[in-house]
PDB file of N, CA and C in Angstrom:
ATOM      1  N   LYS A   1     -27.277 -21.067 -14.429  1.00  0.00           N
ATOM      2  CA  LYS A   1     -26.856 -19.237 -13.999  1.00  0.00           C
ATOM      3  C   LYS A   1     -25.484 -19.460 -14.744  1.00  0.00           C
ATOM      4  N   GLU A   2     -24.289 -20.674 -14.076  1.00  0.00           N
ATOM      5  CA  GLU A   2     -22.975 -19.686 -13.800  1.00  0.00           C
ATOM      6  C   GLU A   2     -22.109 -19.929 -15.833  1.00  0.00           C
ATOM      7  N   LYS A   3     -22.890 -21.226 -16.174  1.00  0.00           N
ATOM      8  CA  LYS A   3     -22.451 -21.300 -17.466  1.00  0.00           C
ATOM      9  C   LYS A   3     -22.875 -19.855 -18.187  1.00  0.00           C
ATOM     10  N   ILE A   4     -23.946 -19.564 -18.225  1.00  0.00           N
ATOM     11  CA  ILE A   4     -24.428 -18.533 -19.143  1.00  0.00           C
ATOM     12  C   ILE A   4     -23.363 -17.064 -18.299  1.00  0.00           C
ATOM     13  N   TYR A   5     -23.375 -17.258 -17.660  1.00  0.00           N
ATOM     14  CA  TYR A   5     -22.404 -15.921 -17.096  1.00  0.00           C
ATOM     15  C   TYR A   5     -21.089 -15.831 -17.232  1.00  0.00           C
ATOM     16  N   ILE A   6     -20.048 -17.099 -17.153  1.00  0.00           N
ATOM     17  CA  ILE A   6     -19.339 -17.349 -17.281  1.00  0.00           C
ATOM     18  C   ILE A   6     -18.806 -17.133 -19.420  1.00  0.00           C
ATOM     19  N   GLU A   7     -19.862 -17.602 -20.470  1.00  0.00           N
ATOM     20  CA  GLU A   7     -20.086 -17.491 -21.792  1.00  0.00           C
ATOM     21  C   GLU A   7     -20.113 -16.078 -21.941  1.00  0.00           C
ATOM     22  N   ALA A   8     -21.121 -15.213 -21.533  1.00  0.00           N
ATOM     23  CA  ALA A   8     -21.154 -14.342 -21.530  1.00  0.00           C
ATOM     24  C   ALA A   8     -20.369 -13.406 -21.611  1.00  0.00           C
ATOM     25  N   GLY A   9     -19.350 -13.368 -20.342  1.00  0.00           N
ATOM     26  CA  GLY A   9     -18.523 -12.447 -19.945  1.00  0.00           C
ATOM     27  C   GLY A   9     -16.605 -12.393 -20.477  1.00  0.00           C
ATOM     28  N   LEU A  10     -16.442 -14.375 -21.010  1.00  0.00           N
ATOM     29  CA  LEU A  10     -15.617 -14.776 -22.460  1.00  0.00           C
ATOM     30  C   LEU A  10     -16.287 -14.218 -23.621  1.00  0.00           C
ATOM     31  N   GLN A  11     -17.238 -14.106 -24.286  1.00  0.00           N
ATOM     32  CA  GLN A  11     -17.752 -13.293 -25.629  1.00  0.00           C
ATOM     33  C   GLN A  11     -17.495 -11.919 -25.645  1.00  0.00           C
ATOM     34  N   LYS A  12     -17.787 -10.845 -24.270  1.00  0.00           N
ATOM     35  CA  LYS A  12     -17.590  -9.899 -24.179  1.00  0.00           C
ATOM     36  C   LYS A  12     -16.263  -9.646 -24.386  1.00  0.00           C
ATOM     37  N   LEU A  13     -14.976 -10.185 -23.149  1.00  0.00           N
ATOM     38  CA  LEU A  13     -13.658 -10.270 -23.899  1.00  0.00           C
ATOM     39  C   LEU A  13     -13.118 -10.720 -24.793  1.00  0.00           C
ATOM     40  N   LYS A  14     -13.869 -11.203 -26.043  1.00  0.00           N
ATOM     41  CA  LYS A  14     -13.701 -11.705 -27.700  1.00  0.00           C
ATOM     42  C   LYS A  14     -12.604 -12.731 -26.958  1.00  0.00           C
ATOM     43  N   VAL A  15     -12.979 -13.575 -26.294  1.00  0.00           N
ATOM     44  CA  VAL A  15     -12.304 -14.580 -25.577  1.00  0.00           C
ATOM     45  C   VAL A  15     -12.290 -15.894 -26.390  1.00  0.00           C
ATOM     46  N   GLN A  16     -11.484 -16.703 -27.082  1.00  0.00           N
ATOM     47  CA  GLN A  16     -12.049 -18.174 -27.925  1.00  0.00           C
ATOM     48  C   GLN A  16     -12.240 -19.162 -26.936  1.00  0.00           C
ATOM     49  N   PHE A  17     -13.460 -19.771 -27.140  1.00  0.00           N
ATOM     50  CA  PHE A  17     -13.211 -20.902 -26.196  1.00  0.00           C
ATOM     51  C   PHE A  17     -14.579 -22.125 -26.570  1.00  0.00           C
ATOM     52  N   PHE A  18     -14.754 -23.073 -26.626  1.00  0.00           N
ATOM     53  CA  PHE A  18     -15.347 -23.638 -26.782  1.00  0.00           C
ATOM     54  C   PHE A  18     -16.723 -24.053 -26.235  1.00  0.00           C
ATOM     55  N   PRO A  19     -17.630 -24.098 -26.588  1.00  0.00           N
ATOM     56  CA  PRO A  19     -18.481 -24.897 -26.029  1.00  0.00           C
ATOM     57  C   PRO A  19     -19.105 -26.383 -25.260  1.00  0.00           C
ATOM     58  N   SER A  20     -19.508 -26.194 -24.055  1.00  0.00           N
ATOM     59  CA  SER A  20     -19.391 -27.238 -23.590  1.00  0.00           C
ATOM     60  C   SER A  20     -20.067 -27.631 -21.872  1.00  0.00           C
ATOM     61  N   VAL A  21     -20.263 -28.982 -22.483  1.00  0.00           N
ATOM     62  CA  VAL A  21     -21.646 -29.930 -21.129  1.00  0.00           C
ATOM     63  C   VAL A  21     -21.342 -29.834 -20.297  1.00  0.00           C
ATOM     64  N   ALA A  22     -19.889 -29.716 -20.243  1.00  0.00           N
ATOM     65  CA  ALA A  22     -19.114 -30.128 -18.394  1.00  0.00           C
ATOM     66  C   ALA A  22     -19.116 -28.836 -18.046  1.00  0.00           C
ATOM     67  N   ASN A  23     -18.529 -29.113 -16.559  1.00  0.00           N
ATOM     68  CA  ASN A  23     -18.793 -28.420 -15.738  1.00  0.00           C
ATOM     69  C   ASN A  23     -17.123 -27.496 -15.676  1.00  0.00           C
ATOM     70  N   PHE A  24     -16.848 -26.905 -16.816  1.00  0.00           N
ATOM     71  CA  PHE A  24     -15.316 -26.805 -17.591  1.00  0.00           C
ATOM     72  C   PHE A  24     -15.421 -26.283 -19.256  1.00  0.00           C
ATOM     73  N   TYR A  25     -14.265 -25.137 -19.235  1.00  0.00           N
ATOM     74  CA  TYR A  25     -14.595 -24.645 -20.395  1.00  0.00           C
ATOM     75  C   TYR A  25     -12.326 -24.062 -21.648  1.00  0.00           C
ATOM     76  N   LEU A  26     -12.694 -25.053 -22.301  1.00  0.00           N
ATOM     77  CA  LEU A  26     -10.963 -24.753 -23.136  1.00  0.00           C
ATOM     78  C   LEU A  26     -11.242 -23.650 -23.334  1.00  0.00           C
ATOM     79  N   LEU A  27     -10.314 -23.002 -23.123  1.00  0.00           N
ATOM     80  CA  LEU A  27     -10.360 -21.406 -24.209  1.00  0.00           C
ATOM     81  C   LEU A  27      -9.342 -21.626 -24.702  1.00  0.00           C
ATOM     82  N   TYR A  28      -8.080 -20.683 -25.565  1.00  0.00           N
ATOM     83  CA  TYR A  28      -7.907 -20.324 -26.441  1.00  0.00           C
ATOM     84  C   TYR A  28      -6.684 -19.109 -26.064  1.00  0.00           C
ATOM     85  N   LEU A  29      -6.121 -18.602 -25.765  1.00  0.00           N
ATOM     86  CA  LEU A  29      -4.808 -18.002 -25.451  1.00  0.00           C
ATOM     87  C   LEU A  29      -4.091 -17.154 -25.635  1.00  0.00           C
ATOM     88  N   PRO A  30      -3.110 -16.350 -26.828  1.00  0.00           N
ATOM     89  CA  PRO A  30      -2.034 -16.453 -27.446  1.00  0.00           C
ATOM     90  C   PRO A  30      -1.335 -15.922 -25.812  1.00  0.00           C
ATOM     91  N   LYS A  31      -0.295 -16.734 -25.256  1.00  0.00           N
ATOM     92  CA  LYS A  31       0.307 -16.668 -23.965  1.00  0.00           C
ATOM     93  C   LYS A  31       0.367 -17.069 -22.932  1.00  0.00           C
ATOM     94  N   GLY A  32      -0.826 -18.675 -23.604  1.00  0.00           N
ATOM     95  CA  GLY A  32      -1.327 -19.070 -22.316  1.00  0.00           C
ATOM     96  C   GLY A  32      -1.005 -19.236 -20.809  1.00  0.00           C
ATOM     97  N   LEU A  33       0.172 -19.905 -20.863  1.00  0.00           N
ATOM     98  CA  LEU A  33       1.288 -20.437 -20.099  1.00  0.00           C
ATOM     99  C   LEU A  33       1.466 -18.562 -19.159  1.00  0.00           C
ATOM    100  N   ASP A  34       1.878 -17.713 -19.782  1.00  0.00           N
ATOM    101  CA  ASP A  34       1.919 -16.473 -19.039  1.00  0.00           C
ATOM    102  C   ASP A  34       0.558 -16.569 -18.337  1.00  0.00           C
ATOM    103  N   PHE A  35      -0.497 -16.616 -18.712  1.00  0.00           N
ATOM    104  CA  PHE A  35      -1.739 -16.020 -18.557  1.00  0.00           C
ATOM    105  C   PHE A  35      -1.744 -17.279 -16.944  1.00  0.00           C
ATOM    106  N   THR A  36      -1.313 -18.843 -16.727  1.00  0.00           N
ATOM    107  CA  THR A  36      -1.166 -19.010 -15.945  1.00  0.00           C
ATOM    108  C   THR A  36      -0.939 -19.162 -14.999  1.00  0.00           C
ATOM    109  N   GLU A  37       0.328 -18.341 -15.087  1.00  0.00           N
ATOM    110  CA  GLU A  37       1.616 -18.490 -14.455  1.00  0.00           C
ATOM    111  C   GLU A  37       0.829 -17.283 -13.423  1.00  0.00           C
ATOM    112  N   TYR A  38       0.509 -16.058 -14.496  1.00  0.00           N
ATOM    113  CA  TYR A  38      -0.435 -14.473 -13.559  1.00  0.00           C
ATOM    114  C   TYR A  38      -1.150 -14.878 -12.476  1.00  0.00           C
ATOM    115  N   LEU A  39      -2.241 -15.917 -13.721  1.00  0.00           N
ATOM    116  CA  LEU A  39      -3.214 -16.339 -11.955  1.00  0.00           C
ATOM    117  C   LEU A  39      -2.743 -16.885 -11.254  1.00  0.00           C
ATOM    118  N   LEU A  40      -2.099 -17.784 -10.705  1.00  0.00           N
ATOM    119  CA  LEU A  40      -1.407 -18.329  -9.285  1.00  0.00           C
ATOM    120  C   LEU A  40      -1.068 -17.519  -8.777  1.00  0.00           C
ATOM    121  N   LYS A  41      -0.533 -16.304  -9.350  1.00  0.00           N
ATOM    122  CA  LYS A  41       0.111 -15.458  -8.412  1.00  0.00           C
ATOM    123  C   LYS A  41      -1.179 -14.396  -7.835  1.00  0.00           C
ATOM    124  N   GLU A  42      -2.681 -14.186  -8.685  1.00  0.00           N
ATOM    125  CA  GLU A  42      -3.585 -13.879  -8.028  1.00  0.00           C
ATOM    126  C   GLU A  42      -4.524 -15.234  -6.830  1.00  0.00           C
ATOM    127  N   GLY A  43      -3.875 -16.505  -7.116  1.00  0.00           N
ATOM    128  CA  GLY A  43      -4.886 -17.346  -6.086  1.00  0.00           C
ATOM    129  C   GLY A  43      -5.517 -18.070  -7.229  1.00  0.00           C
ATOM    130  N   ILE A  44      -5.549 -18.901  -8.437  1.00  0.00           N
ATOM    131  CA  ILE A  44      -6.536 -19.030  -8.641  1.00  0.00           C
ATOM    132  C   ILE A  44      -5.493 -19.505 -10.118  1.00  0.00           C
ATOM    133  N   LEU A  45      -6.249 -21.120  -9.616  1.00  0.00           N
ATOM    134  CA  LEU A  45      -5.153 -22.301 -10.184  1.00  0.00           C
ATOM    135  C   LEU A  45      -6.587 -22.999 -11.606  1.00  0.00           C
ATOM    136  N   VAL A  46      -6.200 -22.976 -12.472  1.00  0.00           N
ATOM    137  CA  VAL A  46      -6.647 -22.945 -14.430  1.00  0.00           C
ATOM    138  C   VAL A  46      -5.393 -24.166 -14.659  1.00  0.00           C
ATOM    139  N   ARG A  47      -5.767 -24.915 -15.097  1.00  0.00           N
ATOM    140  CA  ARG A  47      -5.333 -26.370 -15.868  1.00  0.00           C
ATOM    141  C   ARG A  47      -4.560 -26.292 -17.825  1.00  0.00           C
ATOM    142  N   ASN A  48      -3.464 -25.614 -17.582  1.00  0.00           N
ATOM    143  CA  ASN A  48      -2.643 -25.025 -18.924  1.00  0.00           C
ATOM    144  C   ASN A  48      -2.590 -26.468 -20.045  1.00  0.00           C
ATOM    145  N   CYS A  49      -3.214 -26.518 -20.871  1.00  0.00           N
ATOM    146  CA  CYS A  49      -3.218 -27.936 -21.579  1.00  0.00           C
ATOM    147  C   CYS A  49      -1.807 -27.844 -23.103  1.00  0.00           C
ATOM    148  N   TYR A  50      -1.093 -27.717 -22.239  1.00  0.00           N
ATOM    149  CA  TYR A  50       0.140 -28.130 -23.158  1.00  0.00           C
ATOM    150  C   TYR A  50       0.853 -28.790 -23.417  1.00  0.00           C
ATOM    151  N   ASN A  51       0.351 -29.823 -22.259  1.00  0.00           N
ATOM    152  CA  ASN A  51       0.903 -31.537 -22.885  1.00  0.00           C
ATOM    153  C   ASN A  51      -0.647 -32.053 -23.270  1.00  0.00           C
ATOM    154  N   PHE A  52      -1.543 -31.488 -23.298  1.00  0.00           N
ATOM    155  CA  PHE A  52      -3.165 -32.986 -24.312  1.00  0.00           C
ATOM    156  C   PHE A  52      -2.576 -32.848 -25.474  1.00  0.00           C
ATOM    157  N   TYR A  53      -2.700 -34.325 -26.056  1.00  0.00           N
ATOM    158  CA  TYR A  53      -2.481 -34.513 -27.426  1.00  0.00           C
ATOM    159  C   TYR A  53      -3.225 -33.282 -28.150  1.00  0.00           C
ATOM    160  N   GLY A  54      -2.318 -32.672 -29.628  1.00  0.00           N
ATOM    161  CA  GLY A  54      -3.133 -31.901 -30.096  1.00  0.00           C
ATOM    162  C   GLY A  54      -3.138 -30.415 -29.593  1.00  0.00           C
ATOM    163  N   LEU A  55      -2.837 -29.567 -28.543  1.00  0.00           N
ATOM    164  CA  LEU A  55      -2.568 -28.338 -27.997  1.00  0.00           C
ATOM    165  C   LEU A  55      -1.604 -28.333 -27.119  1.00  0.00           C
ATOM    166  N   ASP A  56      -1.503 -26.791 -27.011  1.00  0.00           N
ATOM    167  CA  ASP A  56      -0.090 -26.020 -26.609  1.00  0.00           C
ATOM    168  C   ASP A  56      -0.550 -25.177 -25.985  1.00  0.00           C
ATOM    169  N   GLY A  57       0.764 -23.993 -25.486  1.00  0.00           N
ATOM    170  CA  GLY A  57       0.953 -24.027 -24.275  1.00  0.00           C
ATOM    171  C   GLY A  57      -0.419 -22.494 -24.502  1.00  0.00           C
ATOM    172  N   ASN A  58      -1.212 -22.136 -25.141  1.00  0.00           N
ATOM    173  CA  ASN A  58      -1.991 -21.621 -25.624  1.00  0.00           C
ATOM    174  C   ASN A  58      -3.608 -21.688 -24.915  1.00  0.00           C
ATOM    175  N   TYR A  59      -3.427 -22.751 -24.807  1.00  0.00           N
ATOM    176  CA  TYR A  59      -5.159 -23.312 -24.658  1.00  0.00           C
ATOM    177  C   TYR A  59      -4.826 -23.894 -23.414  1.00  0.00           C
ATOM    178  N   ILE A  60      -6.157 -23.523 -21.984  1.00  0.00           N
ATOM    179  CA  ILE A  60      -6.487 -23.825 -20.839  1.00  0.00           C
ATOM    180  C   ILE A  60      -7.651 -23.788 -20.597  1.00  0.00           C
ATOM    181  N   ARG A  61      -7.733 -24.803 -19.298  1.00  0.00           N
ATOM    182  CA  ARG A  61      -8.852 -25.266 -19.015  1.00  0.00           C
ATOM    183  C   ARG A  61      -9.288 -24.538 -17.554  1.00  0.00           C
ATOM    184  N   VAL A  62     -10.772 -23.853 -18.150  1.00  0.00           N
ATOM    185  CA  VAL A  62     -11.473 -23.875 -16.524  1.00  0.00           C
ATOM    186  C   VAL A  62     -12.420 -24.444 -16.388  1.00  0.00           C
ATOM    187  N   SER A  63     -12.789 -24.671 -14.212  1.00  0.00           N
ATOM    188  CA  SER A  63     -13.639 -24.658 -14.040  1.00  0.00           C
ATOM    189  C   SER A  63     -14.464 -23.968 -13.778  1.00  0.00           C
ATOM    190  N   LEU A  64     -16.433 -24.376 -13.773  1.00  0.00           N
ATOM    191  CA  LEU A  64     -17.151 -22.802 -13.071  1.00  0.00           C
ATOM    192  C   LEU A  64     -16.718 -22.965 -11.512  1.00  0.00           C
ATOM    193  N   LYS A  65     -17.826 -22.344 -11.242  1.00  0.00           N
ATOM    194  CA  LYS A  65     -17.095 -21.970  -9.194  1.00  0.00           C
ATOM    195  C   LYS A  65     -18.769 -21.457  -8.835  1.00  0.00           C
ATOM    196  N   LYS A  66     -18.197 -20.457  -8.041  1.00  0.00           N
ATOM    197  CA  LYS A  66     -19.757 -19.888  -7.527  1.00  0.00           C
ATOM    198  C   LYS A  66     -19.322 -18.919  -7.853  1.00  0.00           C
ATOM    199  N   ARG A  67     -20.303 -18.236  -7.758  1.00  0.00           N
ATOM    200  CA  ARG A  67     -20.680 -16.733  -8.432  1.00  0.00           C
ATOM    201  C   ARG A  67     -19.319 -16.048  -8.878  1.00  0.00           C
ATOM    202  N   LYS A  68     -19.001 -15.601  -6.957  1.00  0.00           N
ATOM    203  CA  LYS A  68     -17.778 -14.276  -6.708  1.00  0.00           C
ATOM    204  C   LYS A  68     -16.772 -15.095  -7.448  1.00  0.00           C
ATOM    205  N   GLU A  69     -16.747 -16.126  -7.383  1.00  0.00           N
ATOM    206  CA  GLU A  69     -14.654 -16.634  -8.292  1.00  0.00           C
ATOM    207  C   GLU A  69     -15.109 -16.850  -9.149  1.00  0.00           C
ATOM    208  N   ASN A  70     -16.691 -17.345 -10.112  1.00  0.00           N
ATOM    209  CA  ASN A  70     -16.247 -16.490 -11.736  1.00  0.00           C
ATOM    210  C   ASN A  70     -15.907 -14.723 -11.865  1.00  0.00           C
ATOM    211  N   GLN A  71     -16.439 -14.102 -10.854  1.00  0.00           N
ATOM    212  CA  GLN A  71     -16.032 -13.043 -11.080  1.00  0.00           C
ATOM    213  C   GLN A  71     -14.919 -12.363 -10.471  1.00  0.00           C
ATOM    214  N   LYS A  72     -13.956 -12.999 -10.033  1.00  0.00           N
ATOM    215  CA  LYS A  72     -12.856 -12.774  -9.647  1.00  0.00           C
ATOM    216  C   LYS A  72     -11.891 -13.536 -11.062  1.00  0.00           C
ATOM    217  N   PHE A  73     -12.571 -14.309 -11.683  1.00  0.00           N
ATOM    218  CA  PHE A  73     -11.720 -14.908 -12.618  1.00  0.00           C
ATOM    219  C   PHE A  73     -11.984 -14.080 -13.663  1.00  0.00           C
ATOM    220  N   LEU A  74     -13.032 -13.531 -14.110  1.00  0.00           N
ATOM    221  CA  LEU A  74     -13.458 -12.491 -15.184  1.00  0.00           C
ATOM    222  C   LEU A  74     -12.770 -11.640 -15.174  1.00  0.00           C
ATOM    223  N   ARG A  75     -12.582 -10.778 -13.531  1.00  0.00           N
ATOM    224  CA  ARG A  75     -12.118  -9.470 -13.379  1.00  0.00           C
ATOM    225  C   ARG A  75     -10.592  -9.816 -13.587  1.00  0.00           C
ATOM    226  N   GLU A  76      -9.963 -10.816 -13.228  1.00  0.00           N
ATOM    227  CA  GLU A  76      -8.074 -10.637 -13.756  1.00  0.00           C
ATOM    228  C   GLU A  76      -8.239 -11.154 -15.424  1.00  0.00           C
ATOM    229  N   LEU A  77      -9.056 -11.806 -15.451  1.00  0.00           N
ATOM    230  CA  LEU A  77      -8.313 -11.488 -17.264  1.00  0.00           C
ATOM    231  C   LEU A  77      -9.074 -11.065 -17.904  1.00  0.00           C
ATOM    232  N   LYS A  78      -9.658  -9.918 -17.382  1.00  0.00           N
ATOM    233  CA  LYS A  78     -10.119  -9.041 -18.131  1.00  0.00           C
ATOM    234  C   LYS A  78      -8.557  -7.962 -17.937  1.00  0.00           C
ATOM    235  N   ALA A  79      -8.000  -8.247 -17.236  1.00  0.00           N
ATOM    236  CA  ALA A  79      -7.125  -6.926 -16.542  1.00  0.00           C
ATOM    237  C   ALA A  79      -5.872  -7.855 -16.966  1.00  0.00           C
ATOM    238  N   TRP A  80      -5.306  -9.035 -17.223  1.00  0.00           N
ATOM    239  CA  TRP A  80      -4.581  -9.585 -18.088  1.00  0.00           C
ATOM    240  C   TRP A  80      -4.601  -9.062 -19.661  1.00  0.00           C
ATOM    241  N   LEU A  81      -5.567  -9.651 -20.264  1.00  0.00           N
ATOM    242  CA  LEU A  81      -5.680  -8.634 -21.945  1.00  0.00           C
ATOM    243  C   LEU A  81      -5.542  -7.201 -21.880  1.00  0.00           C
ATOM    244  N   GLU A  82      -5.912  -6.536 -20.767  1.00  0.00           N
ATOM    245  CA  GLU A  82      -5.616  -4.992 -20.935  1.00  0.00           C
ATOM    246  C   GLU A  82      -4.588  -5.247 -20.971  1.00  0.00           C
ATOM    247  N   GLY A  83      -3.841  -5.736 -20.053  1.00  0.00           N
ATOM    248  CA  GLY A  83      -2.763  -5.305 -19.958  1.00  0.00           C
ATOM    249  C   GLY A  83      -1.316  -6.155 -21.179  1.00  0.00           C
ATOM    250  N   SER A  84      -1.902  -7.097 -21.458  1.00  0.00           N
ATOM    251  CA  SER A  84      -0.627  -8.456 -22.459  1.00  0.00           C
ATOM    252  C   SER A  84      -0.426  -7.427 -24.002  1.00  0.00           C
ATOM    253  N   LEU A  85      -2.093  -6.930 -24.165  1.00  0.00           N
ATOM    254  CA  LEU A  85      -1.971  -6.760 -25.846  1.00  0.00           C
ATOM    255  C   LEU A  85      -1.836  -6.003 -25.791  1.00  0.00           C
TER     256      LEU A  85
END
């Protein structure tokens, strides 16, 4: 249920993500390093992929959590996108 919820939220926000069968997603966000820092201040930890082979600081990896945490992540993503674009 949470995979469907997160995918729908990311699509609604028009965020590019890569399909996954695991419990995490790889997202492409311009200024991903800034977003990682923003989330940390909000108490949300994500993995920036700047040191993954073939990726840069615009890619982050997020894990699925329970509904409450996933809602918070999507809410903060929406707020950041609206404030940074």
